[in-house]
Amino acid sequence: MIRKIVTIDEEKCIGCGLCAEACHEGAIGMVNGKAKLLREDYCDGLGDCLPACPTAAISFEEREAPAYNEAAVLAAKQAKAQGGCPGSVCRSIPVSGEAADAPSCLSNFPVQLRLTPVVSPALQGADLLIAADCAAYCYGSFHRDFIHGRTTLIGCPKLDAADYAEKLTEILQNNDIKSITVARMTVPCCGGLSHAVGTALARCGKNIPLNIVTISPDGKIS
């Protein structure tokens, strides 16, 4: 459809970011130090961003563009309010789906530690499984023996640029965690996962039972 939509002159843009802050719909963001219209369907064409720009780098144009998608904007705002991207919105999964003849035992999503909010219904009264990314691939019965009956969080201290201890401390402080099982690999870098959990337990001031299980690349528990 032909409609009014903002356009940004990158040569005039000084990268102050004021337009991105003024865009309540989240249509504008900063890319490589310049303002950019990230989602045309998020732009309502009302121009709240125009007066925020100190260099007049933003203007209107009439052109072919997707219609304003208010539902998508509201969904993105809700996801942001919960602390992350739409993929990090918490939801429960009924333990009933099957892949081939192996039922899934996963009861929560997201499972990535960095995406998990520090307060979640899935964490209240939970037996918590904190697993290395590789563990489920190496241990064939991981769902049955580890995920079943637990709330699952996964991570890799070598690949994720995150302070697991800080995030886990907040999770333990803000939720009634009944127990913690750590499923780590025999590789040295997985020691960071055990260390982060131990540090979080010490910081949170709670006496939570902890069990650490070490899995080898050939799927054996040592």
C-alpha atoms as a PDB file:
ATOM      1  CA  MET A   1       0.000   0.000   0.000  1.00  0.00           C
ATOM      2  CA  ILE A   2       1.049   3.634  -0.520  1.00  0.00           C
ATOM      3  CA  ARG A   3       1.286   5.432   2.795  1.00  0.00           C
ATOM      4  CA  LYS A   4       3.221   8.040   4.752  1.00  0.00           C
ATOM      5  CA  ILE A   5       6.347   6.681   6.425  1.00  0.00           C
ATOM      6  CA  VAL A   6       9.545   8.154   7.842  1.00  0.00           C
ATOM      7  CA  THR A   7      12.815   8.244   5.956  1.00  0.00           C
ATOM      8  CA  ILE A   8      16.251   8.837   7.484  1.00  0.00           C
ATOM      9  CA  ASP A   9      19.102  10.744   5.827  1.00  0.00           C
ATOM     10  CA  GLU A  10      22.200   8.886   7.045  1.00  0.00           C
ATOM     11  CA  GLU A  11      24.490  11.741   5.967  1.00  0.00           C
ATOM     12  CA  LYS A  12      22.713  14.132   8.320  1.00  0.00           C
ATOM     13  CA  CYS A  13      22.398  11.569  11.126  1.00  0.00           C
ATOM     14  CA  ILE A  14      24.926  12.120  13.933  1.00  0.00           C
ATOM     15  CA  GLY A  15      24.049   8.923  15.792  1.00  0.00           C
ATOM     16  CA  CYS A  16      22.640  10.571  18.910  1.00  0.00           C
ATOM     17  CA  GLY A  17      19.889   7.965  19.249  1.00  0.00           C
ATOM     18  CA  LEU A  18      17.213  10.484  20.278  1.00  0.00           C
ATOM     19  CA  CYS A  19      14.890   9.401  17.483  1.00  0.00           C
ATOM     20  CA  ALA A  20      15.105   5.754  18.569  1.00  0.00           C
ATOM     21  CA  GLU A  21      14.176   6.776  22.111  1.00  0.00           C
ATOM     22  CA  ALA A  22      11.272   8.881  20.832  1.00  0.00           C
ATOM     23  CA  CYS A  23       9.890   6.077  18.639  1.00  0.00           C
ATOM     24  CA  HIS A  24       7.432   4.401  21.006  1.00  0.00           C
ATOM     25  CA  GLU A  25       6.709   1.667  18.467  1.00  0.00           C
ATOM     26  CA  GLY A  26      10.331   0.507  18.236  1.00  0.00           C
ATOM     27  CA  ALA A  27      10.477   1.039  14.464  1.00  0.00           C
ATOM     28  CA  ILE A  28      13.801   2.916  14.662  1.00  0.00           C
ATOM     29  CA  GLY A  29      17.056   1.537  16.041  1.00  0.00           C
ATOM     30  CA  MET A  30      20.759   2.245  15.908  1.00  0.00           C
ATOM     31  CA  VAL A  31      22.886   0.292  13.429  1.00  0.00           C
ATOM     32  CA  ASN A  32      26.618   0.968  13.146  1.00  0.00           C
ATOM     33  CA  GLY A  33      26.206   4.316  14.850  1.00  0.00           C
ATOM     34  CA  LYS A  34      23.377   5.527  12.591  1.00  0.00           C
ATOM     35  CA  ALA A  35      19.611   5.629  13.005  1.00  0.00           C
ATOM     36  CA  LYS A  36      17.796   3.119  10.814  1.00  0.00           C
ATOM     37  CA  LEU A  37      14.175   2.252  10.164  1.00  0.00           C
ATOM     38  CA  LEU A  38      14.256  -1.375  11.283  1.00  0.00           C
ATOM     39  CA  ARG A  39      10.609  -2.312  10.815  1.00  0.00           C
ATOM     40  CA  GLU A  40       8.434  -0.464   8.300  1.00  0.00           C
ATOM     41  CA  ASP A  41       5.333  -2.182   9.699  1.00  0.00           C
ATOM     42  CA  TYR A  42       6.138  -0.729  13.137  1.00  0.00           C
ATOM     43  CA  CYS A  43       6.092   2.866  11.846  1.00  0.00           C
ATOM     44  CA  ASP A  44       2.676   4.450  12.425  1.00  0.00           C
ATOM     45  CA  GLY A  45       3.508   7.524  10.346  1.00  0.00           C
ATOM     46  CA  LEU A  46       2.694   9.951  13.154  1.00  0.00           C
ATOM     47  CA  GLY A  47       6.240  11.257  13.419  1.00  0.00           C
ATOM     48  CA  ASP A  48       7.004  11.388  17.150  1.00  0.00           C
ATOM     49  CA  CYS A  49      10.630  10.928  16.099  1.00  0.00           C
ATOM     50  CA  LEU A  50      10.800  14.043  13.906  1.00  0.00           C
ATOM     51  CA  PRO A  51      11.069  16.760  16.583  1.00  0.00           C
ATOM     52  CA  ALA A  52      13.600  14.662  18.523  1.00  0.00           C
ATOM     53  CA  CYS A  53      16.180  14.815  15.720  1.00  0.00           C
ATOM     54  CA  PRO A  54      18.605  17.762  16.196  1.00  0.00           C
ATOM     55  CA  THR A  55      19.851  17.671  12.590  1.00  0.00           C
ATOM     56  CA  ALA A  56      16.555  17.265  10.712  1.00  0.00           C
ATOM     57  CA  ALA A  57      17.732  13.920   9.369  1.00  0.00           C
ATOM     58  CA  ILE A  58      14.203  12.470   9.548  1.00  0.00           C
ATOM     59  CA  SER A  59      11.346  13.371   7.261  1.00  0.00           C
ATOM     60  CA  PHE A  60       8.171  11.853   5.809  1.00  0.00           C
ATOM     61  CA  GLU A  61       7.767  10.309   2.388  1.00  0.00           C
ATOM     62  CA  GLU A  62       4.828   8.767   0.556  1.00  0.00           C
ATOM     63  CA  ARG A  63       5.759   5.354  -0.836  1.00  0.00           C
ATOM     64  CA  GLU A  64       4.902   1.688  -1.011  1.00  0.00           C
ATOM     65  CA  ALA A  65       5.205   0.200   2.490  1.00  0.00           C
ATOM     66  CA  PRO A  66       3.587  -2.504   4.631  1.00  0.00           C
ATOM     67  CA  ALA A  67       0.583  -1.421   6.668  1.00  0.00           C
ATOM     68  CA  TYR A  68       1.156  -0.414  10.270  1.00  0.00           C
ATOM     69  CA  ASN A  69       0.940  -3.603  12.359  1.00  0.00           C
ATOM     70  CA  GLU A  70      -0.328  -2.543  15.763  1.00  0.00           C
ATOM     71  CA  ALA A  71      -0.656  -6.129  17.020  1.00  0.00           C
ATOM     72  CA  ALA A  72       3.016  -6.849  16.283  1.00  0.00           C
ATOM     73  CA  VAL A  73       4.059  -3.622  17.995  1.00  0.00           C
ATOM     74  CA  LEU A  74       2.078  -4.480  21.132  1.00  0.00           C
ATOM     75  CA  ALA A  75       3.530  -8.006  21.191  1.00  0.00           C
ATOM     76  CA  ALA A  76       7.067  -6.634  20.899  1.00  0.00           C
ATOM     77  CA  LYS A  77       6.407  -4.161  23.718  1.00  0.00           C
ATOM     78  CA  GLN A  78       5.123  -6.950  25.936  1.00  0.00           C
ATOM     79  CA  ALA A  79       8.190  -9.071  25.208  1.00  0.00           C
ATOM     80  CA  LYS A  80      10.489  -6.151  25.966  1.00  0.00           C
ATOM     81  CA  ALA A  81       8.672  -5.488  29.245  1.00  0.00           C
ATOM     82  CA  GLN A  82       9.416  -9.074  30.253  1.00  0.00           C
ATOM     83  CA  GLY A  83      13.101  -8.528  29.649  1.00  0.00           C
ATOM     84  CA  GLY A  84      13.986  -9.798  26.209  1.00  0.00           C
ATOM     85  CA  CYS A  85      13.101 -10.713  22.656  1.00  0.00           C
ATOM     86  CA  PRO A  86       9.865 -12.519  21.725  1.00  0.00           C
ATOM     87  CA  GLY A  87      11.769 -15.794  21.990  1.00  0.00           C
ATOM     88  CA  SER A  88      12.336 -15.138  25.678  1.00  0.00           C
ATOM     89  CA  VAL A  89       8.651 -14.826  26.617  1.00  0.00           C
ATOM     90  CA  CYS A  90       8.027 -17.485  29.243  1.00  0.00           C
ATOM     91  CA  ARG A  91       5.469 -20.185  28.655  1.00  0.00           C
ATOM     92  CA  SER A  92       4.729 -23.622  29.997  1.00  0.00           C
ATOM     93  CA  ILE A  93       4.736 -26.702  27.786  1.00  0.00           C
ATOM     94  CA  PRO A  94       2.347 -29.608  28.460  1.00  0.00           C
ATOM     95  CA  VAL A  95       4.442 -32.753  28.806  1.00  0.00           C
ATOM     96  CA  SER A  96       2.606 -34.687  26.119  1.00  0.00           C
ATOM     97  CA  GLY A  97       4.330 -34.162  22.781  1.00  0.00           C
ATOM     98  CA  GLU A  98       6.275 -36.995  21.207  1.00  0.00           C
ATOM     99  CA  ALA A  99       9.079 -37.183  18.676  1.00  0.00           C
ATOM    100  CA  ALA A 100       9.131 -40.701  17.183  1.00  0.00           C
ATOM    101  CA  ASP A 101       8.722 -42.964  20.225  1.00  0.00           C
ATOM    102  CA  ALA A 102      10.525 -40.707  22.709  1.00  0.00           C
ATOM    103  CA  PRO A 103       8.271 -38.326  24.671  1.00  0.00           C
ATOM    104  CA  SER A 104       9.613 -34.870  25.452  1.00  0.00           C
ATOM    105  CA  CYS A 105       9.874 -34.124  29.164  1.00  0.00           C
ATOM    106  CA  LEU A 106      10.569 -30.405  28.778  1.00  0.00           C
ATOM    107  CA  SER A 107       8.141 -28.337  30.855  1.00  0.00           C
ATOM    108  CA  ASN A 108       9.476 -24.786  30.369  1.00  0.00           C
ATOM    109  CA  PHE A 109      10.685 -22.433  27.648  1.00  0.00           C
ATOM    110  CA  PRO A 110      12.991 -20.599  27.120  1.00  0.00           C
ATOM    111  CA  VAL A 111      15.716 -22.861  28.448  1.00  0.00           C
ATOM    112  CA  GLN A 112      18.737 -20.689  27.613  1.00  0.00           C
ATOM    113  CA  LEU A 113      20.041 -19.203  30.848  1.00  0.00           C
ATOM    114  CA  ARG A 114      20.672 -15.804  29.285  1.00  0.00           C
ATOM    115  CA  LEU A 115      17.064 -15.564  28.054  1.00  0.00           C
ATOM    116  CA  THR A 116      15.357 -16.790  31.202  1.00  0.00           C
ATOM    117  CA  PRO A 117      13.805 -14.037  33.350  1.00  0.00           C
ATOM    118  CA  VAL A 118      14.942 -13.982  36.979  1.00  0.00           C
ATOM    119  CA  VAL A 119      11.327 -14.354  38.140  1.00  0.00           C
ATOM    120  CA  SER A 120       9.088 -16.905  36.456  1.00  0.00           C
ATOM    121  CA  PRO A 121       6.201 -19.203  37.421  1.00  0.00           C
ATOM    122  CA  ALA A 122       8.278 -22.079  36.021  1.00  0.00           C
ATOM    123  CA  LEU A 123      10.913 -21.413  38.687  1.00  0.00           C
ATOM    124  CA  GLN A 124       8.612 -21.281  41.706  1.00  0.00           C
ATOM    125  CA  GLY A 125       8.982 -24.425  43.793  1.00  0.00           C
ATOM    126  CA  ALA A 126      11.139 -25.952  41.072  1.00  0.00           C
ATOM    127  CA  ASP A 127      13.688 -28.691  41.101  1.00  0.00           C
ATOM    128  CA  LEU A 128      16.190 -26.897  38.882  1.00  0.00           C
ATOM    129  CA  LEU A 129      18.354 -28.523  36.221  1.00  0.00           C
ATOM    130  CA  ILE A 130      21.307 -26.411  35.087  1.00  0.00           C
ATOM    131  CA  ALA A 131      22.882 -28.179  32.132  1.00  0.00           C
ATOM    132  CA  ALA A 132      25.800 -27.606  29.807  1.00  0.00           C
ATOM    133  CA  ASP A 133      24.742 -27.144  26.186  1.00  0.00           C
ATOM    134  CA  CYS A 134      26.539 -30.322  25.084  1.00  0.00           C
ATOM    135  CA  ALA A 135      25.129 -32.627  27.761  1.00  0.00           C
ATOM    136  CA  ALA A 136      21.827 -33.445  26.094  1.00  0.00           C
ATOM    137  CA  TYR A 137      23.609 -34.382  22.854  1.00  0.00           C
ATOM    138  CA  CYS A 138      26.008 -36.753  24.570  1.00  0.00           C
ATOM    139  CA  TYR A 139      23.629 -38.489  26.951  1.00  0.00           C
ATOM    140  CA  GLY A 140      20.931 -40.353  25.026  1.00  0.00           C
ATOM    141  CA  SER A 141      18.306 -40.515  27.779  1.00  0.00           C
ATOM    142  CA  PHE A 142      18.739 -36.918  28.871  1.00  0.00           C
ATOM    143  CA  HIS A 143      15.018 -36.082  28.817  1.00  0.00           C
ATOM    144  CA  ARG A 144      14.033 -39.156  30.806  1.00  0.00           C
ATOM    145  CA  ASP A 145      16.894 -39.094  33.332  1.00  0.00           C
ATOM    146  CA  PHE A 146      17.501 -35.368  33.780  1.00  0.00           C
ATOM    147  CA  ILE A 147      14.778 -33.096  32.363  1.00  0.00           C
ATOM    148  CA  HIS A 148      11.801 -35.088  33.640  1.00  0.00           C
ATOM    149  CA  GLY A 149      10.272 -33.358  36.671  1.00  0.00           C
ATOM    150  CA  ARG A 150      12.693 -30.439  36.565  1.00  0.00           C
ATOM    151  CA  THR A 151      12.805 -26.886  35.234  1.00  0.00           C
ATOM    152  CA  THR A 152      15.641 -26.756  32.730  1.00  0.00           C
ATOM    153  CA  LEU A 153      18.230 -24.038  32.135  1.00  0.00           C
ATOM    154  CA  ILE A 154      21.151 -24.485  29.749  1.00  0.00           C
ATOM    155  CA  GLY A 155      24.329 -22.566  29.017  1.00  0.00           C
ATOM    156  CA  CYS A 156      27.980 -22.704  28.053  1.00  0.00           C
ATOM    157  CA  PRO A 157      30.382 -20.605  30.139  1.00  0.00           C
ATOM    158  CA  LYS A 158      32.974 -20.698  27.358  1.00  0.00           C
ATOM    159  CA  LEU A 159      30.732 -19.438  24.564  1.00  0.00           C
ATOM    160  CA  ASP A 160      28.301 -17.147  26.391  1.00  0.00           C
ATOM    161  CA  ALA A 161      29.631 -13.711  27.292  1.00  0.00           C
ATOM    162  CA  ALA A 162      27.603 -13.572  30.489  1.00  0.00           C
ATOM    163  CA  ASP A 163      28.120 -13.681  34.236  1.00  0.00           C
ATOM    164  CA  TYR A 164      26.193 -16.830  35.091  1.00  0.00           C
ATOM    165  CA  ALA A 165      26.853 -16.408  38.806  1.00  0.00           C
ATOM    166  CA  GLU A 166      25.125 -13.030  38.883  1.00  0.00           C
ATOM    167  CA  LYS A 167      22.083 -14.235  36.943  1.00  0.00           C
ATOM    168  CA  LEU A 168      21.796 -17.437  38.961  1.00  0.00           C
ATOM    169  CA  THR A 169      22.073 -15.513  42.234  1.00  0.00           C
ATOM    170  CA  GLU A 170      19.051 -13.435  41.227  1.00  0.00           C
ATOM    171  CA  ILE A 171      17.133 -16.546  40.218  1.00  0.00           C
ATOM    172  CA  LEU A 172      17.852 -18.286  43.523  1.00  0.00           C
ATOM    173  CA  GLN A 173      17.015 -15.188  45.542  1.00  0.00           C
ATOM    174  CA  ASN A 174      13.736 -14.472  43.788  1.00  0.00           C
ATOM    175  CA  ASN A 175      12.292 -17.979  43.492  1.00  0.00           C
ATOM    176  CA  ASP A 176      11.577 -20.872  45.825  1.00  0.00           C
ATOM    177  CA  ILE A 177      14.019 -23.377  44.339  1.00  0.00           C
ATOM    178  CA  LYS A 178      13.774 -26.801  46.015  1.00  0.00           C
ATOM    179  CA  SER A 179      16.898 -28.421  44.582  1.00  0.00           C
ATOM    180  CA  ILE A 180      19.596 -27.941  41.950  1.00  0.00           C
ATOM    181  CA  THR A 181      21.075 -30.558  39.643  1.00  0.00           C
ATOM    182  CA  VAL A 182      24.049 -29.533  37.512  1.00  0.00           C
ATOM    183  CA  ALA A 183      24.674 -31.673  34.431  1.00  0.00           C
ATOM    184  CA  ARG A 184      28.120 -30.741  33.118  1.00  0.00           C
ATOM    185  CA  MET A 185      30.624 -32.293  30.750  1.00  0.00           C
ATOM    186  CA  THR A 186      34.054 -33.689  31.631  1.00  0.00           C
ATOM    187  CA  VAL A 187      35.756 -30.937  29.580  1.00  0.00           C
ATOM    188  CA  PRO A 188      37.565 -28.303  31.696  1.00  0.00           C
ATOM    189  CA  CYS A 189      35.512 -25.326  30.481  1.00  0.00           C
ATOM    190  CA  CYS A 190      32.409 -26.859  32.074  1.00  0.00           C
ATOM    191  CA  GLY A 191      34.006 -26.221  35.435  1.00  0.00           C
ATOM    192  CA  GLY A 192      32.818 -22.656  34.989  1.00  0.00           C
ATOM    193  CA  LEU A 193      29.234 -23.840  35.164  1.00  0.00           C
ATOM    194  CA  SER A 194      29.740 -25.652  38.465  1.00  0.00           C
ATOM    195  CA  HIS A 195      31.665 -22.682  39.828  1.00  0.00           C
ATOM    196  CA  ALA A 196      28.899 -20.238  38.860  1.00  0.00           C
ATOM    197  CA  VAL A 197      26.275 -22.363  40.609  1.00  0.00           C
ATOM    198  CA  GLY A 198      28.425 -22.686  43.732  1.00  0.00           C
ATOM    199  CA  THR A 199      29.029 -18.934  43.791  1.00  0.00           C
ATOM    200  CA  ALA A 200      25.318 -18.211  43.369  1.00  0.00           C
ATOM    201  CA  LEU A 201      24.440 -20.571  46.213  1.00  0.00           C
ATOM    202  CA  ALA A 202      26.921 -18.846  48.502  1.00  0.00           C
ATOM    203  CA  ARG A 203      25.613 -15.398  47.587  1.00  0.00           C
ATOM    204  CA  CYS A 204      21.900 -16.133  47.835  1.00  0.00           C
ATOM    205  CA  GLY A 205      22.136 -17.228  51.461  1.00  0.00           C
ATOM    206  CA  LYS A 206      19.819 -20.211  51.004  1.00  0.00           C
ATOM    207  CA  ASN A 207      20.454 -23.836  51.847  1.00  0.00           C
ATOM    208  CA  ILE A 208      19.444 -25.536  48.587  1.00  0.00           C
ATOM    209  CA  PRO A 209      20.456 -29.176  47.954  1.00  0.00           C
ATOM    210  CA  LEU A 210      22.971 -29.444  45.102  1.00  0.00           C
ATOM    211  CA  ASN A 211      23.904 -32.456  42.976  1.00  0.00           C
ATOM    212  CA  ILE A 212      26.582 -32.245  40.261  1.00  0.00           C
ATOM    213  CA  VAL A 213      26.636 -34.911  37.538  1.00  0.00           C
ATOM    214  CA  THR A 214      29.561 -35.124  35.097  1.00  0.00           C
ATOM    215  CA  ILE A 215      28.978 -36.616  31.648  1.00  0.00           C
ATOM    216  CA  SER A 216      31.679 -37.741  29.229  1.00  0.00           C
ATOM    217  CA  PRO A 217      31.490 -37.128  25.447  1.00  0.00           C
ATOM    218  CA  ASP A 218      30.640 -40.820  24.952  1.00  0.00           C
ATOM    219  CA  GLY A 219      27.635 -40.485  27.225  1.00  0.00           C
ATOM    220  CA  LYS A 220      28.984 -42.042  30.404  1.00  0.00           C
ATOM    221  CA  ILE A 221      28.382 -40.582  33.854  1.00  0.00           C
ATOM    222  CA  SER A 222      31.486 -40.280  35.983  1.00  0.00           C
END
